[in-house]
Amino acid sequence: MSRFRRIPASGINLFQLIYILIREYEQKSGQKALNLSLGNPDLSPVAEVLELKARFAGRSDYELHTYAEDNNVNQFAEGMVRALTGLEVAAHSHLKATPIAGIKTATALLPLACGLHLKDRRQCHVVTNLPAYDVMGTWTSTYLASNRIVWPLSSQDGMALRLDRLKDALQKAGVERPELIFVIRPGNPASAGASRAEWEALIRFCIERGIRLANDGAYTALGRPDGHVPLSQVAPAFPELEWVELLSVSKSFSDPGARLGVMVGSREFIEDYVLIKGNTDSGPNPHVMAAYGELFKDTARARGMLEELTGIYLKRLDYLVPRLKALGLRPACETTAGFFTLWRTPDEAWGLDLHAEATRQGISRAELFNRLTIDRAGVVGVHFQGPPETGEVFIRYAVCTDVLAPAFQARFEAAMAGMKPVYRPT
């Protein structure tokens, strides 16, 4: 038996690095870090959801304790789509919805659902945004050994889905028709939503070239009023579009441990996905699916829960964003949905020229800024690299911690006062 690894180490995972930096700070300082890096809810599902889960877990029905596969227990899928987007799937014969065991797993299968494995992978292309929580980019370019085309997002236009940037990226790659365009809206790390006009322009482009479109909509339900239009509210009017949107209870109901979500979209795309999924996982936990299906029978109540949770995050954002702006940090975009805030990395901070010091240390300017802010203030973010052609680097701060607590605010405001960020003219 070989003692050597079969997968070459290619650098530490970004989020593993953040955990190491937190641990080092806490050991050195003797204080808990002010952790604004966490991208998962710090809250638990409300009591009503917990009671429903307990009730269905305690039942002996066979279907609640066997493999779910693609079974839609208690009409969960239609109910979730209705609650989060308002779409009535059954009203459209060309649409279908299926439960999924989490968005990340489903994301990895989408290129295969587009037939990547049936072609010369070197001739296959998937379009994704940068900066992004880059699961699809990793699977496409590394694990599946095909080609990722970067559709760049820029702070110059608030991280919007600019169609002209997409066309330029395809032209530079010499690709007319990629197999898939995959976006995250509302975004991560850029919590910008999408407008109806943006979706319609992209939809028409995809129809014209015969490209499939997918949206990771994990943060769909956590938006400011008029901050985001779900793809599922726009795409059904275009029956010739091949599309899917992925939704989840993880962020929407503070229940990432449920490993439960839904994929909705054009019937053929969904059926292709189900075929691949059948050889990958056996579906979500059926009694959890049944519990949420029961909840979604009362659409008004489910939407009320979403509004209550969104209200908590909005109050937190309404504290953090003005404080960071007052310090002199410049936003890469306004947070219109979700719980992330994204900021341009300054050129100088904490009394240092970040360009010169990053070069000296051999790390990115964003990573240096994050390390310095952790070391000097105990405030932890996540650093992101933008597309090389934009030259932009970013820091993400989330509100998945109680930033409204007086103890947090007193320590945060005192510690961050010494940052004094400076941006040079471009």
Protein backbone atom coordinates (compact mmCIF):
# COMPACT_ATOMS: atom_id res chain seq x y z
CA MET A 1 0.00 0.00 0.00
CA SER A 2 1.45 3.36 -1.03
CA ARG A 3 1.95 5.83 1.81
CA PHE A 4 1.88 8.79 -0.56
CA ARG A 5 -1.11 11.00 -1.25
CA ARG A 6 -2.74 10.65 -4.67
CA ILE A 7 -3.94 14.25 -4.80
CA PRO A 8 -1.18 16.86 -4.90
CA ALA A 9 -1.39 19.59 -2.27
CA SER A 10 -2.21 22.84 -4.04
CA GLY A 11 -2.25 25.33 -1.20
CA ILE A 12 -4.35 25.54 1.93
CA ASN A 13 -8.08 26.11 1.61
CA LEU A 14 -8.95 29.76 2.24
CA PHE A 15 -11.39 29.03 5.04
CA GLN A 16 -8.97 26.63 6.72
CA LEU A 17 -6.49 29.50 6.75
CA ILE A 18 -9.03 31.77 8.44
CA TYR A 19 -9.54 29.20 11.22
CA ILE A 20 -5.77 29.07 11.75
CA LEU A 21 -5.54 32.87 11.96
CA ILE A 22 -8.39 32.95 14.48
CA ARG A 23 -6.74 30.30 16.63
CA GLU A 24 -3.37 32.08 16.54
CA TYR A 25 -4.94 35.40 17.53
CA GLU A 26 -6.89 33.91 20.43
CA GLN A 27 -3.88 32.00 21.76
CA LYS A 28 -1.67 35.08 21.57
CA SER A 29 -4.16 37.66 22.88
CA GLY A 30 -6.16 35.59 25.33
CA GLN A 31 -9.35 37.12 23.84
CA LYS A 32 -12.04 35.75 21.58
CA ALA A 33 -11.79 37.07 18.05
CA LEU A 34 -14.53 39.35 16.73
CA ASN A 35 -15.42 36.88 14.02
CA LEU A 36 -16.99 38.54 10.97
CA SER A 37 -15.70 35.79 8.67
CA LEU A 38 -18.44 33.25 9.32
CA GLY A 39 -20.63 32.71 6.28
CA ASN A 40 -23.10 30.44 8.06
CA PRO A 41 -26.06 31.51 10.22
CA ASP A 42 -25.24 31.90 13.90
CA LEU A 43 -28.94 31.36 14.69
CA SER A 44 -30.98 28.14 14.94
CA PRO A 45 -34.32 27.39 13.28
CA VAL A 46 -37.33 28.83 15.08
CA ALA A 47 -39.20 26.66 17.59
CA GLU A 48 -42.00 25.89 15.15
CA VAL A 49 -39.57 24.31 12.68
CA LEU A 50 -37.85 22.33 15.44
CA GLU A 51 -41.21 21.01 16.62
CA LEU A 52 -42.17 19.93 13.09
CA LYS A 53 -38.85 18.14 12.64
CA ALA A 54 -39.30 16.33 15.96
CA ARG A 55 -42.87 15.34 15.10
CA PHE A 56 -41.95 13.76 11.76
CA ALA A 57 -38.78 12.16 13.14
CA GLY A 58 -40.93 10.43 15.74
CA ARG A 59 -43.29 8.87 13.21
CA SER A 60 -42.72 5.32 11.99
CA ASP A 61 -43.86 5.83 8.35
CA TYR A 62 -41.50 3.89 6.10
CA GLU A 63 -41.06 6.75 3.63
CA LEU A 64 -39.77 9.02 6.41
CA HIS A 65 -36.80 6.78 7.24
CA THR A 66 -35.73 5.20 3.95
CA TYR A 67 -33.77 6.63 1.03
CA ALA A 68 -35.49 9.71 -0.35
CA GLU A 69 -33.75 9.47 -3.75
CA ASP A 70 -35.67 12.06 -5.83
CA ASN A 71 -38.96 11.53 -3.98
CA ASN A 72 -40.69 14.79 -3.22
CA VAL A 73 -41.94 14.01 0.29
CA ASN A 74 -44.97 16.05 1.40
CA GLN A 75 -44.77 18.21 -1.74
CA PHE A 76 -41.73 19.88 -0.23
CA ALA A 77 -40.18 21.11 -3.50
CA GLU A 78 -43.23 23.00 -4.80
CA GLY A 79 -43.88 24.46 -1.35
CA MET A 80 -40.35 25.79 -0.94
CA VAL A 81 -40.28 27.35 -4.41
CA ARG A 82 -43.63 29.00 -3.72
CA ALA A 83 -42.54 30.37 -0.34
CA LEU A 84 -39.20 31.76 -1.53
CA THR A 85 -40.01 32.97 -5.03
CA GLY A 86 -43.80 32.99 -5.49
CA LEU A 87 -43.54 30.60 -8.46
CA GLU A 88 -46.26 27.95 -8.81
CA VAL A 89 -44.35 25.15 -10.49
CA ALA A 90 -47.46 23.12 -11.32
CA ALA A 91 -48.86 25.99 -13.37
CA HIS A 92 -46.09 25.56 -15.98
CA SER A 93 -45.88 22.27 -17.86
CA HIS A 94 -42.32 22.99 -19.02
CA LEU A 95 -41.00 23.35 -15.45
CA LYS A 96 -40.04 20.87 -12.75
CA ALA A 97 -38.66 20.98 -9.19
CA THR A 98 -36.70 18.34 -7.31
CA PRO A 99 -35.31 18.16 -3.75
CA ILE A 100 -31.52 18.38 -3.33
CA ALA A 101 -29.20 17.51 -0.46
CA GLY A 102 -27.62 20.95 -0.36
CA ILE A 103 -26.52 23.44 -3.00
CA LYS A 104 -22.78 22.68 -2.92
CA THR A 105 -23.27 19.02 -3.87
CA ALA A 106 -25.77 19.89 -6.57
CA THR A 107 -23.42 22.53 -7.98
CA ALA A 108 -20.68 19.96 -8.53
CA LEU A 109 -23.03 17.81 -10.63
CA LEU A 110 -24.32 20.53 -12.95
CA PRO A 111 -21.50 20.30 -15.53
CA LEU A 112 -22.16 16.56 -15.80
CA ALA A 113 -25.88 17.30 -16.16
CA CYS A 114 -24.86 19.42 -19.14
CA GLY A 115 -23.13 16.41 -20.73
CA LEU A 116 -19.52 17.36 -20.02
CA HIS A 117 -18.57 13.69 -19.54
CA LEU A 118 -19.86 12.79 -23.01
CA LYS A 119 -17.46 15.15 -24.80
CA ASP A 120 -13.79 15.99 -25.03
CA ARG A 121 -13.45 17.88 -21.75
CA ARG A 122 -10.82 20.17 -23.26
CA GLN A 123 -13.56 21.46 -25.54
CA CYS A 124 -16.06 22.06 -22.71
CA HIS A 125 -16.49 25.46 -21.09
CA VAL A 126 -18.36 26.72 -18.03
CA VAL A 127 -18.71 30.45 -17.26
CA THR A 128 -18.52 31.61 -13.64
CA ASN A 129 -18.05 34.93 -11.90
CA LEU A 130 -15.05 36.15 -9.93
CA PRO A 131 -14.81 37.10 -7.15
CA ALA A 132 -17.00 34.26 -5.94
CA TYR A 133 -17.32 31.43 -3.49
CA ASP A 134 -15.76 29.36 -6.23
CA VAL A 135 -17.10 25.81 -5.89
CA MET A 136 -18.07 25.66 -9.55
CA GLY A 137 -14.73 27.09 -10.70
CA THR A 138 -12.83 24.47 -8.70
CA TRP A 139 -14.92 21.59 -10.00
CA THR A 140 -14.83 22.76 -13.61
CA SER A 141 -11.18 23.67 -13.99
CA THR A 142 -9.57 21.31 -11.44
CA TYR A 143 -11.63 18.24 -10.61
CA LEU A 144 -13.35 17.77 -13.98
CA ALA A 145 -10.36 19.05 -15.99
CA SER A 146 -12.42 21.18 -18.36
CA ASN A 147 -12.36 24.93 -18.93
CA ARG A 148 -13.64 27.75 -16.77
CA ILE A 149 -14.22 31.15 -18.35
CA VAL A 150 -14.24 34.02 -15.87
CA TRP A 151 -17.04 36.53 -16.16
CA PRO A 152 -15.51 39.36 -14.11
CA LEU A 153 -17.37 41.38 -11.52
CA SER A 154 -16.04 44.83 -10.67
CA SER A 155 -16.59 47.41 -7.96
CA GLN A 156 -16.70 50.01 -10.73
CA ASP A 157 -20.27 48.96 -11.44
CA GLY A 158 -21.28 47.59 -8.04
CA MET A 159 -20.51 43.96 -8.93
CA ALA A 160 -23.41 43.90 -11.37
CA LEU A 161 -23.96 41.16 -13.96
CA ARG A 162 -22.72 43.22 -16.90
CA LEU A 163 -23.55 41.44 -20.16
CA ASP A 164 -20.85 43.35 -22.05
CA ARG A 165 -18.22 41.90 -19.70
CA LEU A 166 -19.57 38.40 -20.38
CA LYS A 167 -19.41 38.92 -24.14
CA ASP A 168 -15.84 40.22 -23.88
CA ALA A 169 -14.80 37.21 -21.80
CA LEU A 170 -16.28 34.78 -24.33
CA GLN A 171 -14.69 36.62 -27.23
CA LYS A 172 -11.25 36.56 -25.57
CA ALA A 173 -11.65 32.82 -24.92
CA GLY A 174 -12.73 32.23 -28.51
CA VAL A 175 -15.89 30.49 -27.31
CA GLU A 176 -19.30 31.10 -28.85
CA ARG A 177 -21.37 28.60 -26.88
CA PRO A 178 -20.23 27.43 -23.44
CA GLU A 179 -22.05 24.47 -21.95
CA LEU A 180 -23.21 26.44 -18.90
CA ILE A 181 -23.28 29.92 -17.37
CA PHE A 182 -23.31 29.65 -13.57
CA VAL A 183 -23.94 32.69 -11.38
CA ILE A 184 -24.57 33.35 -7.68
CA ARG A 185 -27.32 35.90 -7.10
CA PRO A 186 -27.56 37.35 -4.54
CA GLY A 187 -23.81 37.06 -4.62
CA ASN A 188 -21.17 35.65 -2.33
CA PRO A 189 -18.97 37.48 -1.44
CA ALA A 190 -20.64 40.40 -3.22
CA SER A 191 -24.14 40.56 -1.73
CA ALA A 192 -25.68 42.27 -4.72
CA GLY A 193 -28.99 41.07 -6.06
CA ALA A 194 -30.10 40.89 -9.69
CA SER A 195 -32.74 43.02 -11.34
CA ARG A 196 -35.41 41.82 -13.75
CA ALA A 197 -33.68 43.73 -16.55
CA GLU A 198 -30.35 41.97 -15.83
CA TRP A 199 -32.01 38.56 -15.91
CA GLU A 200 -33.94 39.29 -19.09
CA ALA A 201 -30.81 40.45 -20.93
CA LEU A 202 -28.89 37.36 -19.84
CA ILE A 203 -31.81 35.05 -20.64
CA ARG A 204 -32.13 36.39 -24.18
CA PHE A 205 -28.38 35.98 -24.66
CA CYS A 206 -28.54 32.34 -23.46
CA ILE A 207 -31.53 31.55 -25.69
CA GLU A 208 -29.84 33.11 -28.70
CA ARG A 209 -26.73 30.93 -28.29
CA GLY A 210 -28.36 27.82 -26.80
CA ILE A 211 -26.55 28.09 -23.46
CA ARG A 212 -27.83 26.62 -20.22
CA LEU A 213 -28.13 29.00 -17.25
CA ALA A 214 -27.90 28.16 -13.53
CA ASN A 215 -28.21 30.37 -10.47
CA ASP A 216 -27.11 29.59 -6.93
CA GLY A 217 -29.89 31.37 -5.07
CA ALA A 218 -28.89 30.47 -1.51
CA TYR A 219 -29.54 34.02 -0.26
CA THR A 220 -32.73 34.61 -2.28
CA ALA A 221 -35.01 35.12 0.71
CA LEU A 222 -32.71 37.42 2.68
CA GLY A 223 -33.00 40.59 0.62
CA ARG A 224 -33.92 44.17 1.23
CA PRO A 225 -37.24 45.20 -0.31
CA ASP A 226 -36.69 45.49 -4.07
CA GLY A 227 -33.07 44.37 -3.56
CA HIS A 228 -33.29 41.21 -5.65
CA VAL A 229 -35.55 39.48 -8.19
CA PRO A 230 -35.24 35.66 -8.19
CA LEU A 231 -34.47 34.01 -11.51
CA SER A 232 -37.53 31.86 -10.87
CA GLN A 233 -39.75 34.93 -11.18
CA VAL A 234 -38.39 35.78 -14.64
CA ALA A 235 -37.31 32.59 -16.43
CA PRO A 236 -40.73 30.84 -16.61
CA ALA A 237 -41.86 33.44 -19.16
CA PHE A 238 -39.16 32.12 -21.53
CA PRO A 239 -40.05 28.45 -22.19
CA GLU A 240 -37.19 28.09 -24.68
CA LEU A 241 -34.61 28.82 -21.95
CA GLU A 242 -32.79 25.88 -20.35
CA TRP A 243 -32.27 26.95 -16.75
CA VAL A 244 -32.19 25.97 -13.09
CA GLU A 245 -32.19 27.85 -9.80
CA LEU A 246 -30.94 26.31 -6.53
CA LEU A 247 -32.55 27.20 -3.20
CA SER A 248 -31.83 25.98 0.32
CA VAL A 249 -33.12 26.02 3.89
CA SER A 250 -29.54 26.58 5.12
CA LYS A 251 -29.53 30.37 4.96
CA SER A 252 -33.28 30.96 4.52
CA PHE A 253 -34.27 29.21 7.77
CA SER A 254 -30.91 29.13 9.62
CA ASP A 255 -30.76 25.37 9.13
CA PRO A 256 -27.55 24.35 7.32
CA GLY A 257 -27.50 21.05 9.23
CA ALA A 258 -30.70 19.98 7.48
CA ARG A 259 -28.79 19.51 4.19
CA LEU A 260 -31.96 20.25 2.29
CA GLY A 261 -32.90 22.37 -0.66
CA VAL A 262 -34.61 22.40 -4.02
CA MET A 263 -33.65 22.77 -7.66
CA VAL A 264 -36.29 24.29 -9.92
CA GLY A 265 -36.11 24.98 -13.62
CA SER A 266 -36.75 23.71 -17.11
CA ARG A 267 -37.96 20.12 -17.12
CA GLU A 268 -35.23 18.69 -19.34
CA PHE A 269 -32.38 20.28 -17.38
CA ILE A 270 -33.85 18.97 -14.10
CA GLU A 271 -34.27 15.47 -15.55
CA ASP A 272 -30.65 15.47 -16.76
CA TYR A 273 -29.56 16.45 -13.25
CA VAL A 274 -31.68 13.74 -11.60
CA LEU A 275 -30.05 11.13 -13.85
CA ILE A 276 -26.56 12.14 -12.70
CA LYS A 277 -27.63 12.56 -9.09
CA GLY A 278 -28.97 9.01 -9.02
CA ASN A 279 -25.40 7.74 -9.10
CA THR A 280 -24.15 10.27 -6.54
CA ASP A 281 -26.44 10.58 -3.54
CA SER A 282 -29.67 9.08 -2.24
CA GLY A 283 -31.47 12.33 -1.59
CA PRO A 284 -32.05 14.46 1.51
CA ASN A 285 -33.27 13.28 4.91
CA PRO A 286 -36.93 12.41 4.23
CA HIS A 287 -38.42 13.26 7.63
CA VAL A 288 -36.75 16.70 7.55
CA MET A 289 -38.16 17.17 4.05
CA ALA A 290 -41.59 16.19 5.32
CA ALA A 291 -41.35 18.69 8.17
CA TYR A 292 -40.52 21.58 5.86
CA GLY A 293 -43.18 20.40 3.41
CA GLU A 294 -45.69 20.73 6.24
CA LEU A 295 -44.43 24.21 7.04
CA PHE A 296 -44.75 25.32 3.43
CA LYS A 297 -48.42 24.38 3.33
CA ASP A 298 -48.91 27.68 5.16
CA THR A 299 -47.13 29.98 2.72
CA ALA A 300 -47.97 33.11 4.67
CA ARG A 301 -46.42 31.70 7.85
CA ALA A 302 -43.28 30.55 6.03
CA ARG A 303 -42.87 33.99 4.46
CA GLY A 304 -43.37 35.58 7.86
CA MET A 305 -40.44 33.54 9.19
CA LEU A 306 -38.30 34.67 6.26
CA GLU A 307 -39.18 38.30 6.93
CA GLU A 308 -38.36 37.95 10.63
CA LEU A 309 -34.93 36.49 9.88
CA THR A 310 -34.22 39.07 7.21
CA GLY A 311 -35.11 41.78 9.73
CA ILE A 312 -32.45 40.50 12.13
CA TYR A 313 -29.74 40.65 9.47
CA LEU A 314 -30.87 44.06 8.26
CA LYS A 315 -30.55 45.50 11.77
CA ARG A 316 -27.06 44.07 12.02
CA LEU A 317 -26.10 45.43 8.59
CA ASP A 318 -27.50 48.82 9.49
CA TYR A 319 -25.00 48.93 12.35
CA LEU A 320 -21.92 47.47 10.64
CA VAL A 321 -22.00 49.11 7.21
CA PRO A 322 -22.13 52.74 8.42
CA ARG A 323 -19.36 52.04 10.97
CA LEU A 324 -17.03 50.61 8.33
CA LYS A 325 -17.78 53.47 5.95
CA ALA A 326 -17.08 55.95 8.76
CA LEU A 327 -13.67 54.32 9.25
CA GLY A 328 -12.91 55.09 5.61
CA LEU A 329 -13.43 51.69 4.00
CA ARG A 330 -14.98 51.82 0.53
CA PRO A 331 -17.66 49.27 -0.43
CA ALA A 332 -17.25 47.14 -3.52
CA CYS A 333 -21.04 47.08 -3.75
CA GLU A 334 -24.04 47.85 -1.60
CA THR A 335 -25.48 44.87 0.28
CA THR A 336 -28.95 44.44 -1.19
CA ALA A 337 -29.45 40.82 -0.12
CA GLY A 338 -27.85 38.32 2.21
CA PHE A 339 -25.61 38.99 5.19
CA PHE A 340 -22.26 39.78 3.60
CA THR A 341 -20.58 43.13 3.13
CA LEU A 342 -17.73 43.45 0.62
CA TRP A 343 -15.06 46.15 0.71
CA ARG A 344 -12.22 47.24 -1.52
CA THR A 345 -8.89 46.55 0.10
CA PRO A 346 -7.16 49.87 0.84
CA ASP A 347 -3.67 50.77 -0.38
CA GLU A 348 -2.52 51.80 3.09
CA ALA A 349 -3.77 50.80 6.54
CA TRP A 350 -2.50 50.35 10.07
CA GLY A 351 0.35 52.73 9.22
CA LEU A 352 1.73 50.53 6.41
CA ASP A 353 2.01 50.68 2.65
CA LEU A 354 0.11 47.48 1.92
CA HIS A 355 1.51 47.12 -1.61
CA ALA A 356 5.14 47.24 -0.48
CA GLU A 357 4.58 45.07 2.59
CA ALA A 358 2.57 42.45 0.67
CA THR A 359 5.35 42.21 -1.89
CA ARG A 360 7.93 41.83 0.86
CA GLN A 361 5.94 39.04 2.52
CA GLY A 362 4.97 37.34 -0.74
CA ILE A 363 1.23 37.37 -0.07
CA SER A 364 -1.68 39.24 -1.59
CA ARG A 365 -2.58 42.71 -0.38
CA ALA A 366 -6.02 41.47 0.70
CA GLU A 367 -4.53 38.66 2.80
CA LEU A 368 -2.05 41.08 4.37
CA PHE A 369 -4.84 43.51 5.25
CA ASN A 370 -6.90 40.70 6.80
CA ARG A 371 -3.93 39.43 8.82
CA LEU A 372 -3.11 42.93 10.07
CA THR A 373 -6.71 43.66 11.08
CA ILE A 374 -6.91 40.36 12.95
CA ASP A 375 -3.60 41.03 14.69
CA ARG A 376 -4.27 44.68 15.57
CA ALA A 377 -8.03 44.61 16.21
CA GLY A 378 -9.07 40.97 16.53
CA VAL A 379 -11.58 41.53 13.71
CA VAL A 380 -11.67 38.60 11.29
CA GLY A 381 -12.84 38.81 7.68
CA VAL A 382 -12.31 36.75 4.54
CA HIS A 383 -10.03 38.08 1.81
CA PHE A 384 -10.95 37.56 -1.83
CA GLN A 385 -9.03 37.99 -5.05
CA GLY A 386 -10.83 39.58 -7.99
CA PRO A 387 -10.18 38.66 -11.62
CA PRO A 388 -6.55 39.41 -12.59
CA GLU A 389 -7.62 41.82 -15.32
CA THR A 390 -9.41 44.08 -12.81
CA GLY A 391 -6.51 44.15 -10.34
CA GLU A 392 -9.05 44.36 -7.50
CA VAL A 393 -8.78 42.64 -4.12
CA PHE A 394 -11.44 42.58 -1.43
CA ILE A 395 -12.28 41.90 2.20
CA ARG A 396 -15.61 40.36 3.20
CA TYR A 397 -17.22 41.00 6.58
CA ALA A 398 -20.41 39.11 7.49
CA VAL A 399 -23.00 39.77 10.18
CA CYS A 400 -23.38 36.15 11.29
CA THR A 401 -22.59 37.19 14.83
CA ASP A 402 -24.39 39.53 17.19
CA VAL A 403 -22.83 42.84 16.20
CA LEU A 404 -25.63 44.61 18.09
CA ALA A 405 -24.37 43.42 21.48
CA PRO A 406 -23.01 46.42 23.45
CA ALA A 407 -19.85 44.50 24.41
CA PHE A 408 -19.13 43.72 20.75
CA GLN A 409 -19.71 47.32 19.66
CA ALA A 410 -17.53 48.86 22.36
CA ARG A 411 -14.58 46.61 21.61
CA PHE A 412 -15.05 46.76 17.82
CA GLU A 413 -15.17 50.54 17.62
CA ALA A 414 -12.16 51.04 19.91
CA ALA A 415 -10.05 48.40 18.15
CA MET A 416 -10.79 49.52 14.59
CA ALA A 417 -10.08 53.22 15.20
CA GLY A 418 -6.40 52.73 14.37
CA MET A 419 -6.97 51.26 10.90
CA LYS A 420 -6.99 54.61 9.04
CA PRO A 421 -7.38 53.19 5.51
CA VAL A 422 -6.09 55.17 2.52
CA TYR A 423 -7.04 54.67 -1.13
CA ARG A 424 -4.79 56.10 -3.79
CA PRO A 425 -6.14 57.65 -6.97
CA THR A 426 -6.47 55.12 -9.79
